[in-house]
N, C-alpha and C. Protein backbone atom coordinates (compact mmCIF):
# COMPACT_ATOMS: atom_id res chain seq x y z
N MET A 1 -50.56 221.13 -5.55
CA MET A 1 -51.60 221.83 -4.82
C MET A 1 -51.84 221.08 -3.52
N MET A 2 -52.09 221.84 -2.46
CA MET A 2 -52.40 221.22 -1.17
C MET A 2 -53.86 221.53 -0.82
N TRP A 3 -54.56 220.54 -0.38
CA TRP A 3 -55.91 220.74 0.12
C TRP A 3 -55.84 220.86 1.64
N TYR A 4 -55.99 222.06 2.15
CA TYR A 4 -55.78 222.34 3.57
C TYR A 4 -56.77 221.59 4.47
N LEU A 5 -57.99 221.41 4.01
CA LEU A 5 -58.95 220.70 4.81
C LEU A 5 -58.49 219.28 5.09
N SER A 6 -57.99 218.60 4.05
CA SER A 6 -57.52 217.23 4.23
C SER A 6 -56.28 217.19 5.15
N GLY A 7 -55.45 218.20 5.10
CA GLY A 7 -54.25 218.26 5.92
C GLY A 7 -54.61 218.29 7.43
N ASN A 8 -55.75 218.93 7.75
CA ASN A 8 -56.19 218.98 9.16
C ASN A 8 -56.71 217.66 9.64
N HIS A 9 -56.92 216.72 8.77
CA HIS A 9 -57.44 215.42 9.18
C HIS A 9 -56.45 214.28 8.94
N ASP A 10 -55.19 214.60 8.76
CA ASP A 10 -54.13 213.63 8.50
C ASP A 10 -53.71 212.98 9.81
N ASP A 11 -54.12 211.73 10.01
CA ASP A 11 -53.82 211.08 11.28
C ASP A 11 -52.35 210.69 11.43
N THR A 12 -51.54 210.86 10.40
CA THR A 12 -50.12 210.66 10.58
C THR A 12 -49.45 211.91 11.21
N MET A 13 -50.13 213.02 11.16
CA MET A 13 -49.62 214.25 11.75
C MET A 13 -50.36 214.67 13.03
N ILE A 14 -51.65 214.38 13.07
CA ILE A 14 -52.52 214.84 14.16
C ILE A 14 -53.19 213.63 14.78
N ASP A 15 -52.87 213.36 16.04
CA ASP A 15 -53.56 212.27 16.76
C ASP A 15 -54.99 212.65 16.97
N ASP A 16 -55.89 211.69 16.67
CA ASP A 16 -57.32 211.86 16.87
C ASP A 16 -57.82 213.16 16.20
N PRO A 17 -57.62 213.28 14.88
CA PRO A 17 -57.86 214.55 14.17
C PRO A 17 -59.31 215.01 14.15
N TYR A 18 -60.24 214.16 14.48
CA TYR A 18 -61.66 214.61 14.45
C TYR A 18 -62.14 215.10 15.78
N SER A 19 -61.27 215.22 16.75
CA SER A 19 -61.61 215.78 18.07
C SER A 19 -60.95 217.12 18.29
N LEU A 20 -61.66 218.02 18.93
CA LEU A 20 -61.07 219.31 19.29
C LEU A 20 -60.33 219.15 20.64
N ILE A 21 -59.02 219.21 20.58
CA ILE A 21 -58.20 219.09 21.77
C ILE A 21 -57.38 220.34 21.88
N ILE A 22 -57.80 221.25 22.76
CA ILE A 22 -57.22 222.60 22.80
C ILE A 22 -55.73 222.62 23.19
N ASP A 23 -55.30 221.64 23.96
CA ASP A 23 -53.91 221.61 24.41
C ASP A 23 -53.08 220.56 23.68
N ARG A 24 -53.34 220.34 22.44
CA ARG A 24 -52.54 219.43 21.62
C ARG A 24 -51.06 219.82 21.70
N PRO A 25 -50.19 218.83 21.74
CA PRO A 25 -48.75 219.17 21.72
C PRO A 25 -48.33 219.84 20.41
N ASN A 26 -48.98 219.52 19.28
CA ASN A 26 -48.57 220.09 17.99
C ASN A 26 -49.67 221.04 17.46
N ALA A 27 -50.32 221.74 18.31
CA ALA A 27 -51.49 222.58 17.94
C ALA A 27 -51.17 223.61 16.87
N ARG A 28 -49.94 224.12 16.85
CA ARG A 28 -49.59 225.17 15.86
C ARG A 28 -49.25 224.60 14.50
N ARG A 29 -49.29 223.32 14.34
CA ARG A 29 -48.94 222.73 13.02
C ARG A 29 -50.17 222.50 12.16
N HIS A 30 -51.35 223.00 12.60
CA HIS A 30 -52.54 222.83 11.77
C HIS A 30 -52.42 223.67 10.52
N MET A 31 -53.30 223.47 9.56
CA MET A 31 -53.23 224.20 8.29
C MET A 31 -54.47 225.06 8.06
N SER A 32 -55.04 225.55 9.09
CA SER A 32 -56.27 226.33 8.92
C SER A 32 -56.09 227.71 9.48
N PHE A 33 -56.66 228.68 8.81
CA PHE A 33 -56.75 230.01 9.38
C PHE A 33 -58.21 230.40 9.35
N GLY A 34 -58.88 230.18 10.45
CA GLY A 34 -60.25 230.66 10.54
C GLY A 34 -61.28 229.59 10.70
N PHE A 35 -61.22 228.52 9.93
CA PHE A 35 -62.31 227.59 9.93
C PHE A 35 -61.80 226.17 9.92
N GLY A 36 -62.66 225.26 10.31
CA GLY A 36 -62.29 223.86 10.33
C GLY A 36 -62.19 223.36 11.72
N ILE A 37 -61.96 222.08 11.85
CA ILE A 37 -61.96 221.47 13.18
C ILE A 37 -60.80 221.95 14.02
N HIS A 38 -59.70 222.37 13.44
CA HIS A 38 -58.55 222.88 14.19
C HIS A 38 -58.46 224.38 14.01
N ARG A 39 -59.47 225.06 14.47
CA ARG A 39 -59.65 226.51 14.25
C ARG A 39 -58.45 227.30 14.81
N CYS A 40 -57.98 228.23 14.01
CA CYS A 40 -56.88 229.12 14.42
C CYS A 40 -57.43 230.18 15.36
N MET A 41 -56.88 230.25 16.57
CA MET A 41 -57.32 231.21 17.53
C MET A 41 -56.98 232.65 17.13
N GLY A 42 -55.99 232.79 16.24
CA GLY A 42 -55.60 234.12 15.77
C GLY A 42 -56.63 234.76 14.85
N ASN A 43 -57.59 233.95 14.38
CA ASN A 43 -58.63 234.50 13.49
C ASN A 43 -59.38 235.61 14.20
N ARG A 44 -59.73 235.43 15.47
CA ARG A 44 -60.44 236.50 16.21
C ARG A 44 -59.64 237.77 16.30
N LEU A 45 -58.34 237.63 16.50
CA LEU A 45 -57.47 238.80 16.53
C LEU A 45 -57.49 239.53 15.19
N GLY A 46 -57.40 238.75 14.10
CA GLY A 46 -57.48 239.36 12.77
C GLY A 46 -58.78 240.08 12.51
N GLU A 47 -59.89 239.47 12.95
CA GLU A 47 -61.19 240.10 12.79
C GLU A 47 -61.25 241.41 13.59
N MET A 48 -60.72 241.40 14.80
CA MET A 48 -60.73 242.59 15.61
C MET A 48 -59.88 243.68 14.96
N GLN A 49 -58.72 243.33 14.43
CA GLN A 49 -57.85 244.31 13.80
C GLN A 49 -58.55 244.98 12.60
N LEU A 50 -59.25 244.18 11.81
CA LEU A 50 -59.98 244.72 10.66
C LEU A 50 -61.12 245.62 11.08
N ARG A 51 -61.84 245.22 12.14
CA ARG A 51 -62.94 246.08 12.66
C ARG A 51 -62.39 247.43 13.11
N ILE A 52 -61.28 247.41 13.87
CA ILE A 52 -60.69 248.69 14.35
C ILE A 52 -60.19 249.49 13.16
N LEU A 53 -59.58 248.87 12.19
CA LEU A 53 -59.12 249.59 10.99
C LEU A 53 -60.25 250.32 10.31
N TRP A 54 -61.40 249.64 10.07
CA TRP A 54 -62.54 250.27 9.44
C TRP A 54 -63.15 251.36 10.31
N GLU A 55 -63.20 251.15 11.62
CA GLU A 55 -63.69 252.21 12.49
C GLU A 55 -62.86 253.48 12.39
N GLU A 56 -61.56 253.32 12.35
CA GLU A 56 -60.67 254.48 12.25
C GLU A 56 -60.76 255.13 10.87
N LEU A 57 -60.81 254.33 9.80
CA LEU A 57 -60.95 254.90 8.46
C LEU A 57 -62.22 255.71 8.33
N LEU A 58 -63.34 255.16 8.84
CA LEU A 58 -64.62 255.85 8.71
C LEU A 58 -64.72 257.10 9.57
N LYS A 59 -63.87 257.24 10.57
CA LYS A 59 -63.82 258.48 11.36
C LYS A 59 -63.13 259.59 10.56
N ARG A 60 -62.29 259.24 9.63
CA ARG A 60 -61.44 260.22 8.93
C ARG A 60 -61.95 260.58 7.51
N PHE A 61 -62.75 259.70 6.89
CA PHE A 61 -63.14 259.93 5.53
C PHE A 61 -64.64 259.87 5.37
N ALA A 62 -65.16 260.83 4.56
CA ALA A 62 -66.60 260.87 4.34
C ALA A 62 -67.04 259.79 3.34
N ASP A 63 -66.14 259.47 2.42
CA ASP A 63 -66.50 258.53 1.35
C ASP A 63 -65.23 257.79 0.87
N ILE A 64 -65.41 256.52 0.57
CA ILE A 64 -64.36 255.70 -0.01
C ILE A 64 -64.98 255.08 -1.26
N LYS A 65 -64.44 255.48 -2.45
CA LYS A 65 -65.06 255.03 -3.70
C LYS A 65 -64.05 254.14 -4.45
N VAL A 66 -64.53 253.00 -4.90
CA VAL A 66 -63.71 252.08 -5.74
C VAL A 66 -63.66 252.67 -7.15
N LEU A 67 -62.47 252.85 -7.72
CA LEU A 67 -62.33 253.47 -9.01
C LEU A 67 -62.32 252.53 -10.21
N GLU A 68 -61.87 251.31 -9.97
CA GLU A 68 -61.83 250.35 -11.09
C GLU A 68 -61.94 248.96 -10.48
N GLU A 69 -62.10 247.97 -11.36
CA GLU A 69 -62.22 246.59 -10.92
C GLU A 69 -60.91 246.18 -10.21
N PRO A 70 -61.03 245.53 -9.07
CA PRO A 70 -59.81 245.11 -8.37
C PRO A 70 -59.10 243.98 -9.12
N GLU A 71 -57.79 243.85 -8.90
CA GLU A 71 -57.05 242.73 -9.40
C GLU A 71 -56.95 241.72 -8.28
N ARG A 72 -57.32 240.48 -8.56
CA ARG A 72 -57.32 239.42 -7.52
C ARG A 72 -56.02 238.65 -7.51
N VAL A 73 -55.70 238.15 -6.36
CA VAL A 73 -54.53 237.25 -6.16
C VAL A 73 -54.90 235.95 -6.83
N LYS A 74 -53.98 235.41 -7.62
CA LYS A 74 -54.22 234.10 -8.24
C LYS A 74 -53.67 233.05 -7.27
N SER A 75 -54.60 232.41 -6.56
CA SER A 75 -54.17 231.49 -5.52
C SER A 75 -55.29 230.48 -5.23
N ASN A 76 -54.90 229.26 -4.91
CA ASN A 76 -55.85 228.26 -4.47
C ASN A 76 -56.09 228.34 -2.96
N PHE A 77 -55.36 229.22 -2.30
CA PHE A 77 -55.42 229.31 -0.83
C PHE A 77 -56.05 230.60 -0.34
N VAL A 78 -55.75 231.72 -0.99
CA VAL A 78 -56.20 233.02 -0.50
C VAL A 78 -57.16 233.61 -1.52
N ARG A 79 -58.29 234.11 -1.05
CA ARG A 79 -59.18 234.87 -1.92
C ARG A 79 -58.99 236.35 -1.58
N GLY A 80 -57.98 236.96 -2.21
CA GLY A 80 -57.66 238.33 -1.89
C GLY A 80 -57.40 239.19 -3.07
N TYR A 81 -56.99 240.41 -2.83
CA TYR A 81 -56.73 241.36 -3.88
C TYR A 81 -55.24 241.73 -3.91
N SER A 82 -54.70 241.89 -5.10
CA SER A 82 -53.33 242.38 -5.23
C SER A 82 -53.35 243.88 -5.51
N LYS A 83 -54.48 244.40 -6.03
CA LYS A 83 -54.56 245.82 -6.34
C LYS A 83 -56.04 246.27 -6.25
N LEU A 84 -56.28 247.38 -5.54
CA LEU A 84 -57.62 247.92 -5.46
C LEU A 84 -57.48 249.43 -5.37
N MET A 85 -57.79 250.10 -6.48
CA MET A 85 -57.67 251.57 -6.57
C MET A 85 -58.94 252.21 -6.01
N VAL A 86 -58.72 253.13 -5.05
CA VAL A 86 -59.85 253.83 -4.41
C VAL A 86 -59.53 255.33 -4.36
N GLU A 87 -60.59 256.08 -4.16
CA GLU A 87 -60.51 257.51 -3.93
C GLU A 87 -61.18 257.81 -2.62
N VAL A 88 -60.47 258.53 -1.74
CA VAL A 88 -61.06 258.86 -0.43
C VAL A 88 -61.39 260.33 -0.35
N THR A 89 -62.48 260.67 0.29
CA THR A 89 -62.92 262.06 0.48
C THR A 89 -62.84 262.36 1.98
N ARG A 90 -62.00 263.38 2.33
CA ARG A 90 -61.88 263.74 3.72
C ARG A 90 -63.16 264.31 4.28
N LEU A 91 -63.32 264.21 5.58
CA LEU A 91 -64.50 264.82 6.22
C LEU A 91 -64.35 266.33 6.23
C-alpha cells in the first residue's frame, strides 16, 4: 500500500517538499489529485467537466432515480463506484 500524502513529502524525490514552488522541475511527479501541498492543477479542469456534465444532463432529463445500492470500487486510493444503476425520465 502507498500512502500518497507521505509521498508528497519525500525529500529524496521533492526538494523542499513543504514549500509550494509552482515551477518545480519535477512538478508532474507528485502523487496528489486535488488536495495536499502539491495540488494538481488538473483538479479544477475535472471539477469544471463534472459541472458541465450535470448541467447538460439536467437539461435533458426531468428525473434521475437511483434503483439500487451502488457497488463501490475496492481501493485505498479512489472512493468511487464500479456500478450505479439509475432510471432517467425524459423531459
